[in-house]
Structures are given as C-alpha cells and as structure tokens.
Amino acid sequence: MALRSFLDGALFAEVYGEGSPDVLALHGWGRRGNDFAATLASRSGLAPDLPGFGASPMPGEVMGADDYADIVAGILEVFNRPPVLVGHSFGGRVAVCLAAKHPEAVGPVILTGVPLIRQGTGRRPPLGYRLARWMHRGGMLSEERMESLKRRRGSSDYRAVTGVMRDILVKVVNETYEGQLRSIPNPVKLIWGAEDTEVPVSVAEAAAVILPDATLVVLPGVGHMVPLQAPEALTNAIDEAIA
C-alpha cells in the first residue's frame, strides 16, 4: 500500500497491489481511503482520499456528490478496464453519481451503508431554534451564539467540521439519488449491516426496487462500518464481480 498523487495533486489515493488496478473504492464521510486496507489486501486497486479528507486538499467551493464524482472521474483513465466500483456511505453517494454519468467507464457497483434515499418527511426544527435563526438573520443574535445552537443540534459529523466542509455536508445530506439509481445499467450489489442505525436496511431495500439490476445482502451482527467490521464481505463481492 502506498499513497500516490493524482490529477496534479488534486487527489491522493492509496494504491493496493501490483499492476493495473481493477477496483476503485470510495470512503465515507470523515474517513479516508485506508478504510479499505483489509478489503483490498489481496487485490489491485485505488482508494482515494476524497477532497477535503486525508491527504487530498480541501475543495475551493461547496460541492455535492455529483461534483465529487466529476473529480473522481478524472482518475478513471488509469484503469485498463472498467473497475469494480465500491462505495461506503458518503463515498457511495459519489459512486452512484459516477456510475450514472459514466456507466461504460466503470464495472459492477458495490454499495454499503449509503444514504441513497431520504426516507420520511423530516420534522421542522423547534420553534425556539427557528426564532433564533430569525433573530440571527436580523442581527439580533450573535454569530457565536448561533454557532453554539447549530453545534448543539447538529450531528457529530456536523460538529466536527467548519467552513466549506460543513456547507458540503449540509448539501449532501439533503440530496437524494432516485434519478441516478434508475439510470445505472451496471449490476449493483448492496451489502448492508443488519445493525446499521445510521442508514438502516430499509434504505437498501427501497433502492433495490429502483435499481434496474440489484442484489441485496444483509450481514447479521454488522453495523454501519462494513469496510472495517466485515471487509471479507466486500472482498468476496469484488472477487465475484471480477470473476
């Protein structure tokens, strides 16, 4: 395993194995490419640090998953044949956009723990928080106080980032990918932890109905971090896709 620069330093990736890579693996939010070290230990592949994570530089502007896919598409030329595309969580959002835009440039797709579809209508913020936002917009509540309220309400991912990465997080968590799912002709394997509380199996079940060619595998006793908790499940799926 070695970290290598691509796209004139815009993207760094862990390089696994020898020879031409046959797997492209995209990590989750707040993670990096070495999450796939166990998965790719016996294979040849690339696992980029997506922009803003690990060794890859911060994006200069707010981007969605589709914009991330455009950046990742730049390294597809290093593959001698369409790679198996693996995406975990946020990386799966990017993988879906990449496969929808460039289906001929990637091979079978493997997704795990990906928030592909927004389920439910969501609830409005409490009245007190909405009032605070109104006061902040009117200059009656300080930036520091508003930031404190945001951090108190936000997820751990939200609290861990600031600036452009926080704006990116807000953008992508409000995205949904039904359109992309419908347009992916490649076979897609959904590998889900039965105990995933961040992205429950019901999301994978709903996505499987939309995808033209999908298979769902549920892993008993496994949570959201499949690349770390059950890397062999991903390795086996990759081997089947390449065979």
C-alpha atoms as a PDB file:
ATOM      1  CA  MET A   1       0.000   0.000   0.000  1.00  0.00           C
ATOM      2  CA  ALA A   2       1.341   3.433  -0.974  1.00  0.00           C
ATOM      3  CA  LEU A   3      -0.144   6.913  -1.123  1.00  0.00           C
ATOM      4  CA  ARG A   4       0.108   8.427  -4.600  1.00  0.00           C
ATOM      5  CA  SER A   5      -0.812  11.802  -6.071  1.00  0.00           C
ATOM      6  CA  PHE A   6      -3.249  12.083  -8.990  1.00  0.00           C
ATOM      7  CA  LEU A   7      -4.689  14.944 -11.042  1.00  0.00           C
ATOM      8  CA  ASP A   8      -1.747  17.264 -10.329  1.00  0.00           C
ATOM      9  CA  GLY A   9      -2.194  16.910  -6.582  1.00  0.00           C
ATOM     10  CA  ALA A  10      -5.960  17.449  -6.547  1.00  0.00           C
ATOM     11  CA  LEU A  11      -6.481  13.873  -5.354  1.00  0.00           C
ATOM     12  CA  PHE A  12      -4.365  11.446  -3.355  1.00  0.00           C
ATOM     13  CA  ALA A  13      -5.122   7.731  -3.291  1.00  0.00           C
ATOM     14  CA  GLU A  14      -3.949   4.584  -1.550  1.00  0.00           C
ATOM     15  CA  VAL A  15      -2.582   2.190  -4.176  1.00  0.00           C
ATOM     16  CA  TYR A  16      -3.035  -1.510  -3.422  1.00  0.00           C
ATOM     17  CA  GLY A  17      -1.399  -4.456  -5.170  1.00  0.00           C
ATOM     18  CA  GLU A  18       0.727  -4.616  -8.282  1.00  0.00           C
ATOM     19  CA  GLY A  19      -0.013  -3.879 -11.905  1.00  0.00           C
ATOM     20  CA  SER A  20      -3.103  -2.241 -13.320  1.00  0.00           C
ATOM     21  CA  PRO A  21      -5.774  -1.660 -10.652  1.00  0.00           C
ATOM     22  CA  ASP A  22      -9.174  -3.273 -11.076  1.00  0.00           C
ATOM     23  CA  VAL A  23     -11.044  -1.749  -8.100  1.00  0.00           C
ATOM     24  CA  LEU A  24     -11.935   1.855  -7.255  1.00  0.00           C
ATOM     25  CA  ALA A  25     -13.093   2.230  -3.626  1.00  0.00           C
ATOM     26  CA  LEU A  26     -14.602   5.417  -2.175  1.00  0.00           C
ATOM     27  CA  HIS A  27     -14.731   6.006   1.572  1.00  0.00           C
ATOM     28  CA  GLY A  28     -17.313   7.512   3.896  1.00  0.00           C
ATOM     29  CA  TRP A  29     -17.602  10.990   5.412  1.00  0.00           C
ATOM     30  CA  GLY A  30     -14.760  11.856   7.760  1.00  0.00           C
ATOM     31  CA  ARG A  31     -12.856   8.749   6.709  1.00  0.00           C
ATOM     32  CA  ARG A  32     -10.117   8.082   4.139  1.00  0.00           C
ATOM     33  CA  GLY A  33      -9.009   5.528   1.568  1.00  0.00           C
ATOM     34  CA  ASN A  34      -7.162   3.294   4.021  1.00  0.00           C
ATOM     35  CA  ASP A  35     -10.538   2.136   5.368  1.00  0.00           C
ATOM     36  CA  PHE A  36     -10.308  -0.396   2.517  1.00  0.00           C
ATOM     37  CA  ALA A  37      -6.905  -1.798   3.515  1.00  0.00           C
ATOM     38  CA  ALA A  38      -8.356  -5.151   4.601  1.00  0.00           C
ATOM     39  CA  THR A  39     -10.827  -5.291   1.704  1.00  0.00           C
ATOM     40  CA  LEU A  40      -8.123  -4.725  -0.914  1.00  0.00           C
ATOM     41  CA  ALA A  41      -5.275  -6.595   0.770  1.00  0.00           C
ATOM     42  CA  SER A  42      -5.363  -9.322  -1.882  1.00  0.00           C
ATOM     43  CA  ARG A  43      -6.414  -7.173  -4.843  1.00  0.00           C
ATOM     44  CA  SER A  44      -5.058  -4.390  -7.015  1.00  0.00           C
ATOM     45  CA  GLY A  45      -6.986  -1.178  -6.564  1.00  0.00           C
ATOM     46  CA  LEU A  46      -7.164   2.523  -5.778  1.00  0.00           C
ATOM     47  CA  ALA A  47      -8.834   4.037  -2.727  1.00  0.00           C
ATOM     48  CA  PRO A  48      -8.739   7.838  -2.974  1.00  0.00           C
ATOM     49  CA  ASP A  49      -8.885  10.265  -0.102  1.00  0.00           C
ATOM     50  CA  LEU A  50     -11.838  12.276  -1.363  1.00  0.00           C
ATOM     51  CA  PRO A  51     -11.311  16.071  -1.496  1.00  0.00           C
ATOM     52  CA  GLY A  52     -11.287  17.550   1.993  1.00  0.00           C
ATOM     53  CA  PHE A  53     -10.318  14.275   3.679  1.00  0.00           C
ATOM     54  CA  GLY A  54      -6.982  12.651   4.439  1.00  0.00           C
ATOM     55  CA  ALA A  55      -4.191  13.861   2.161  1.00  0.00           C
ATOM     56  CA  SER A  56      -6.421  15.381  -0.538  1.00  0.00           C
ATOM     57  CA  PRO A  57      -6.783  19.175  -0.464  1.00  0.00           C
ATOM     58  CA  MET A  58      -9.940  20.968   0.581  1.00  0.00           C
ATOM     59  CA  PRO A  59     -12.437  21.890  -2.131  1.00  0.00           C
ATOM     60  CA  GLY A  60     -12.450  25.553  -3.007  1.00  0.00           C
ATOM     61  CA  GLU A  61     -16.231  25.734  -3.132  1.00  0.00           C
ATOM     62  CA  VAL A  62     -19.355  23.983  -1.911  1.00  0.00           C
ATOM     63  CA  MET A  63     -19.933  20.785  -3.881  1.00  0.00           C
ATOM     64  CA  GLY A  64     -22.454  17.972  -3.950  1.00  0.00           C
ATOM     65  CA  ALA A  65     -21.876  14.286  -4.608  1.00  0.00           C
ATOM     66  CA  ASP A  66     -22.217  14.859  -8.344  1.00  0.00           C
ATOM     67  CA  ASP A  67     -19.350  17.374  -8.260  1.00  0.00           C
ATOM     68  CA  TYR A  68     -17.215  14.922  -6.291  1.00  0.00           C
ATOM     69  CA  ALA A  69     -17.979  12.327  -8.966  1.00  0.00           C
ATOM     70  CA  ASP A  70     -16.686  14.693 -11.643  1.00  0.00           C
ATOM     71  CA  ILE A  71     -13.361  14.936  -9.807  1.00  0.00           C
ATOM     72  CA  VAL A  72     -13.063  11.184  -9.276  1.00  0.00           C
ATOM     73  CA  ALA A  73     -13.879  10.596 -12.945  1.00  0.00           C
ATOM     74  CA  GLY A  74     -10.505  12.145 -13.739  1.00  0.00           C
ATOM     75  CA  ILE A  75      -8.631   9.087 -12.445  1.00  0.00           C
ATOM     76  CA  LEU A  76     -10.651   6.537 -14.426  1.00  0.00           C
ATOM     77  CA  GLU A  77      -8.092   6.812 -17.220  1.00  0.00           C
ATOM     78  CA  VAL A  78      -5.505   4.954 -15.111  1.00  0.00           C
ATOM     79  CA  PHE A  79      -7.578   1.765 -15.324  1.00  0.00           C
ATOM     80  CA  ASN A  80      -7.007  -0.568 -18.256  1.00  0.00           C
ATOM     81  CA  ARG A  81     -10.571  -1.826 -17.959  1.00  0.00           C
ATOM     82  CA  PRO A  82     -13.672  -0.557 -16.154  1.00  0.00           C
ATOM     83  CA  PRO A  83     -13.015  -1.071 -12.433  1.00  0.00           C
ATOM     84  CA  VAL A  84     -15.331  -2.567  -9.867  1.00  0.00           C
ATOM     85  CA  LEU A  85     -16.695   0.499  -8.092  1.00  0.00           C
ATOM     86  CA  VAL A  86     -17.078   0.262  -4.308  1.00  0.00           C
ATOM     87  CA  GLY A  87     -18.697   2.997  -2.234  1.00  0.00           C
ATOM     88  CA  HIS A  88     -19.255   3.252   1.506  1.00  0.00           C
ATOM     89  CA  SER A  89     -21.630   5.839   2.986  1.00  0.00           C
ATOM     90  CA  PHE A  90     -20.686   9.266   1.534  1.00  0.00           C
ATOM     91  CA  GLY A  91     -18.386   7.535  -0.951  1.00  0.00           C
ATOM     92  CA  GLY A  92     -21.405   5.557  -2.115  1.00  0.00           C
ATOM     93  CA  ARG A  93     -23.227   8.787  -2.908  1.00  0.00           C
ATOM     94  CA  VAL A  94     -20.280   9.719  -5.124  1.00  0.00           C
ATOM     95  CA  ALA A  95     -20.137   6.222  -6.622  1.00  0.00           C
ATOM     96  CA  VAL A  96     -23.815   6.331  -7.618  1.00  0.00           C
ATOM     97  CA  CYS A  97     -23.344   9.679  -9.364  1.00  0.00           C
ATOM     98  CA  LEU A  98     -20.193   8.390 -11.082  1.00  0.00           C
ATOM     99  CA  ALA A  99     -21.883   5.200 -12.313  1.00  0.00           C
ATOM    100  CA  ALA A 100     -24.920   7.137 -13.541  1.00  0.00           C
ATOM    101  CA  LYS A 101     -22.780   9.593 -15.530  1.00  0.00           C
ATOM    102  CA  HIS A 102     -20.140   7.133 -16.788  1.00  0.00           C
ATOM    103  CA  PRO A 103     -21.689   3.645 -16.807  1.00  0.00           C
ATOM    104  CA  GLU A 104     -19.387   2.484 -19.599  1.00  0.00           C
ATOM    105  CA  ALA A 105     -16.271   3.544 -17.667  1.00  0.00           C
ATOM    106  CA  VAL A 106     -16.988   1.530 -14.525  1.00  0.00           C
ATOM    107  CA  GLY A 107     -17.884  -2.103 -13.980  1.00  0.00           C
ATOM    108  CA  PRO A 108     -20.157  -3.682 -11.368  1.00  0.00           C
ATOM    109  CA  VAL A 109     -21.001  -1.464  -8.412  1.00  0.00           C
ATOM    110  CA  ILE A 110     -20.863  -2.449  -4.726  1.00  0.00           C
ATOM    111  CA  LEU A 111     -22.555  -0.140  -2.219  1.00  0.00           C
ATOM    112  CA  THR A 112     -22.649  -0.353   1.556  1.00  0.00           C
ATOM    113  CA  GLY A 113     -24.278   1.901   4.129  1.00  0.00           C
ATOM    114  CA  VAL A 114     -25.146   4.583   1.578  1.00  0.00           C
ATOM    115  CA  PRO A 115     -27.896   7.171   2.258  1.00  0.00           C
ATOM    116  CA  LEU A 116     -29.340   6.692  -1.216  1.00  0.00           C
ATOM    117  CA  ILE A 117     -32.891   7.755  -0.474  1.00  0.00           C
ATOM    118  CA  ARG A 118     -34.287  10.196   2.056  1.00  0.00           C
ATOM    119  CA  GLN A 119     -36.974   8.393   3.992  1.00  0.00           C
ATOM    120  CA  GLY A 120     -39.760  10.261   5.754  1.00  0.00           C
ATOM    121  CA  THR A 121     -40.610  13.928   5.513  1.00  0.00           C
ATOM    122  CA  GLY A 122     -38.482  15.043   8.434  1.00  0.00           C
ATOM    123  CA  ARG A 123     -39.559  17.333  11.244  1.00  0.00           C
ATOM    124  CA  ARG A 124     -39.397  21.101  11.446  1.00  0.00           C
ATOM    125  CA  PRO A 125     -36.864  22.481  13.912  1.00  0.00           C
ATOM    126  CA  PRO A 126     -38.319  23.504  17.280  1.00  0.00           C
ATOM    127  CA  LEU A 127     -39.936  26.932  17.459  1.00  0.00           C
ATOM    128  CA  GLY A 128     -37.141  28.271  19.663  1.00  0.00           C
ATOM    129  CA  TYR A 129     -34.484  27.349  17.095  1.00  0.00           C
ATOM    130  CA  ARG A 130     -36.491  28.853  14.237  1.00  0.00           C
ATOM    131  CA  LEU A 131     -36.873  32.053  16.272  1.00  0.00           C
ATOM    132  CA  ALA A 132     -33.121  32.100  16.906  1.00  0.00           C
ATOM    133  CA  ARG A 133     -32.439  31.812  13.166  1.00  0.00           C
ATOM    134  CA  TRP A 134     -34.807  34.725  12.516  1.00  0.00           C
ATOM    135  CA  MET A 135     -33.068  36.824  15.169  1.00  0.00           C
ATOM    136  CA  HIS A 136     -29.654  35.932  13.734  1.00  0.00           C
ATOM    137  CA  ARG A 137     -30.678  36.981  10.246  1.00  0.00           C
ATOM    138  CA  GLY A 138     -31.913  40.275  11.690  1.00  0.00           C
ATOM    139  CA  GLY A 139     -28.681  40.930  13.551  1.00  0.00           C
ATOM    140  CA  MET A 140     -30.249  40.424  16.982  1.00  0.00           C
ATOM    141  CA  LEU A 141     -28.325  37.240  17.785  1.00  0.00           C
ATOM    142  CA  SER A 142     -24.539  36.987  17.589  1.00  0.00           C
ATOM    143  CA  GLU A 143     -22.665  34.665  15.248  1.00  0.00           C
ATOM    144  CA  GLU A 144     -21.125  32.947  18.265  1.00  0.00           C
ATOM    145  CA  ARG A 145     -24.498  32.238  19.863  1.00  0.00           C
ATOM    146  CA  MET A 146     -25.962  30.965  16.588  1.00  0.00           C
ATOM    147  CA  GLU A 147     -22.955  28.701  16.059  1.00  0.00           C
ATOM    148  CA  SER A 148     -23.423  27.297  19.558  1.00  0.00           C
ATOM    149  CA  LEU A 149     -27.066  26.485  18.797  1.00  0.00           C
ATOM    150  CA  LYS A 150     -26.135  24.858  15.475  1.00  0.00           C
ATOM    151  CA  ARG A 151     -23.489  22.688  17.108  1.00  0.00           C
ATOM    152  CA  ARG A 152     -25.897  21.627  19.831  1.00  0.00           C
ATOM    153  CA  ARG A 153     -28.462  20.483  17.260  1.00  0.00           C
ATOM    154  CA  GLY A 154     -26.040  19.101  14.677  1.00  0.00           C
ATOM    155  CA  SER A 155     -24.755  15.544  14.248  1.00  0.00           C
ATOM    156  CA  SER A 156     -21.258  14.515  15.302  1.00  0.00           C
ATOM    157  CA  ASP A 157     -20.181  14.878  11.653  1.00  0.00           C
ATOM    158  CA  TYR A 158     -21.601  18.409  11.598  1.00  0.00           C
ATOM    159  CA  ARG A 159     -19.856  19.380  14.827  1.00  0.00           C
ATOM    160  CA  ALA A 160     -16.524  18.008  13.576  1.00  0.00           C
ATOM    161  CA  VAL A 161     -16.258  20.298  10.536  1.00  0.00           C
ATOM    162  CA  THR A 162     -16.379  24.004   9.769  1.00  0.00           C
ATOM    163  CA  GLY A 163     -16.339  26.273   6.749  1.00  0.00           C
ATOM    164  CA  VAL A 164     -16.751  24.822   3.289  1.00  0.00           C
ATOM    165  CA  MET A 165     -16.788  21.206   4.530  1.00  0.00           C
ATOM    166  CA  ARG A 166     -19.739  21.946   6.799  1.00  0.00           C
ATOM    167  CA  ASP A 167     -21.597  23.540   3.888  1.00  0.00           C
ATOM    168  CA  ILE A 168     -20.791  20.495   1.749  1.00  0.00           C
ATOM    169  CA  LEU A 169     -22.118  18.196   4.470  1.00  0.00           C
ATOM    170  CA  VAL A 170     -25.367  20.155   4.706  1.00  0.00           C
ATOM    171  CA  LYS A 171     -25.721  20.000   0.916  1.00  0.00           C
ATOM    172  CA  VAL A 172     -25.124  16.267   0.531  1.00  0.00           C
ATOM    173  CA  VAL A 173     -27.310  15.161   3.457  1.00  0.00           C
ATOM    174  CA  ASN A 174     -30.215  16.848   1.703  1.00  0.00           C
ATOM    175  CA  GLU A 175     -29.562  15.061  -1.586  1.00  0.00           C
ATOM    176  CA  THR A 176     -31.434  12.004  -2.783  1.00  0.00           C
ATOM    177  CA  TYR A 177     -30.495   9.777  -5.699  1.00  0.00           C
ATOM    178  CA  GLU A 178     -33.582   8.134  -7.167  1.00  0.00           C
ATOM    179  CA  GLY A 179     -32.820   9.580 -10.606  1.00  0.00           C
ATOM    180  CA  GLN A 180     -29.269   8.285 -10.629  1.00  0.00           C
ATOM    181  CA  LEU A 181     -30.334   4.859  -9.371  1.00  0.00           C
ATOM    182  CA  ARG A 182     -32.804   4.454 -12.217  1.00  0.00           C
ATOM    183  CA  SER A 183     -30.160   5.257 -14.822  1.00  0.00           C
ATOM    184  CA  ILE A 184     -27.442   2.821 -13.690  1.00  0.00           C
ATOM    185  CA  PRO A 185     -27.397  -0.175 -16.063  1.00  0.00           C
ATOM    186  CA  ASN A 186     -24.486  -1.855 -14.275  1.00  0.00           C
ATOM    187  CA  PRO A 187     -25.202  -4.677 -11.821  1.00  0.00           C
ATOM    188  CA  VAL A 188     -25.282  -3.307  -8.267  1.00  0.00           C
ATOM    189  CA  LYS A 189     -24.715  -5.322  -5.099  1.00  0.00           C
ATOM    190  CA  LEU A 190     -25.985  -3.740  -1.889  1.00  0.00           C
ATOM    191  CA  ILE A 191     -24.114  -5.078   1.149  1.00  0.00           C
ATOM    192  CA  TRP A 192     -25.672  -3.840   4.363  1.00  0.00           C
ATOM    193  CA  GLY A 193     -25.084  -4.316   8.067  1.00  0.00           C
ATOM    194  CA  ALA A 194     -28.248  -5.584   9.734  1.00  0.00           C
ATOM    195  CA  GLU A 195     -27.416  -3.380  12.734  1.00  0.00           C
ATOM    196  CA  ASP A 196     -26.712  -0.227  10.722  1.00  0.00           C
ATOM    197  CA  THR A 197     -28.520   2.510  12.665  1.00  0.00           C
ATOM    198  CA  GLU A 198     -27.136   5.366  10.556  1.00  0.00           C
ATOM    199  CA  VAL A 199     -28.506   4.051   7.253  1.00  0.00           C
ATOM    200  CA  PRO A 200     -30.974   1.253   8.005  1.00  0.00           C
ATOM    201  CA  VAL A 201     -31.547  -1.742   5.763  1.00  0.00           C
ATOM    202  CA  SER A 202     -34.893  -0.226   4.712  1.00  0.00           C
ATOM    203  CA  VAL A 203     -32.922   2.307   2.628  1.00  0.00           C
ATOM    204  CA  ALA A 204     -31.183  -0.508   0.751  1.00  0.00           C
ATOM    205  CA  GLU A 205     -34.494  -2.311   0.253  1.00  0.00           C
ATOM    206  CA  ALA A 206     -36.059   0.812  -1.257  1.00  0.00           C
ATOM    207  CA  ALA A 207     -33.030   1.370  -3.511  1.00  0.00           C
ATOM    208  CA  ALA A 208     -33.105  -2.249  -4.694  1.00  0.00           C
ATOM    209  CA  VAL A 209     -36.626  -1.696  -6.022  1.00  0.00           C
ATOM    210  CA  ILE A 210     -35.485   1.291  -8.090  1.00  0.00           C
ATOM    211  CA  LEU A 211     -32.198  -0.081  -9.440  1.00  0.00           C
ATOM    212  CA  PRO A 212     -32.522  -1.963 -12.762  1.00  0.00           C
ATOM    213  CA  ASP A 213     -30.167  -4.760 -11.657  1.00  0.00           C
ATOM    214  CA  ALA A 214     -29.669  -5.064  -7.895  1.00  0.00           C
ATOM    215  CA  THR A 215     -28.887  -7.719  -5.301  1.00  0.00           C
ATOM    216  CA  LEU A 216     -29.161  -7.112  -1.562  1.00  0.00           C
ATOM    217  CA  VAL A 217     -27.059  -8.949   1.024  1.00  0.00           C
ATOM    218  CA  VAL A 218     -27.678  -8.262   4.732  1.00  0.00           C
ATOM    219  CA  LEU A 219     -24.895  -9.067   7.208  1.00  0.00           C
ATOM    220  CA  PRO A 220     -26.124 -10.191  10.646  1.00  0.00           C
ATOM    221  CA  GLY A 221     -24.472  -8.505  13.616  1.00  0.00           C
ATOM    222  CA  VAL A 222     -22.732  -5.862  11.486  1.00  0.00           C
ATOM    223  CA  GLY A 223     -23.299  -2.116  11.781  1.00  0.00           C
ATOM    224  CA  HIS A 224     -22.547   0.857   9.552  1.00  0.00           C
ATOM    225  CA  MET A 225     -18.783   0.400   9.199  1.00  0.00           C
ATOM    226  CA  VAL A 226     -18.780  -2.631   6.916  1.00  0.00           C
ATOM    227  CA  PRO A 227     -15.290  -1.890   5.482  1.00  0.00           C
ATOM    228  CA  LEU A 228     -13.879  -2.260   8.998  1.00  0.00           C
ATOM    229  CA  GLN A 229     -16.319  -4.733  10.547  1.00  0.00           C
ATOM    230  CA  ALA A 230     -16.799  -7.140   7.638  1.00  0.00           C
ATOM    231  CA  PRO A 231     -14.196  -6.406   4.948  1.00  0.00           C
ATOM    232  CA  GLU A 232     -14.330 -10.010   3.762  1.00  0.00           C
ATOM    233  CA  ALA A 233     -17.906  -9.453   2.576  1.00  0.00           C
ATOM    234  CA  LEU A 234     -16.694  -6.677   0.291  1.00  0.00           C
ATOM    235  CA  THR A 235     -13.674  -8.695  -0.858  1.00  0.00           C
ATOM    236  CA  ASN A 236     -15.895 -11.649  -1.768  1.00  0.00           C
ATOM    237  CA  ALA A 237     -18.261  -9.375  -3.686  1.00  0.00           C
ATOM    238  CA  ILE A 238     -15.313  -7.879  -5.584  1.00  0.00           C
ATOM    239  CA  ASP A 239     -13.960 -11.327  -6.428  1.00  0.00           C
ATOM    240  CA  GLU A 240     -17.388 -12.399  -7.735  1.00  0.00           C
ATOM    241  CA  ALA A 241     -17.660  -9.228  -9.825  1.00  0.00           C
ATOM    242  CA  ILE A 242     -14.239  -9.754 -11.403  1.00  0.00           C
ATOM    243  CA  ALA A 243     -14.584 -13.489 -11.984  1.00  0.00           C
END
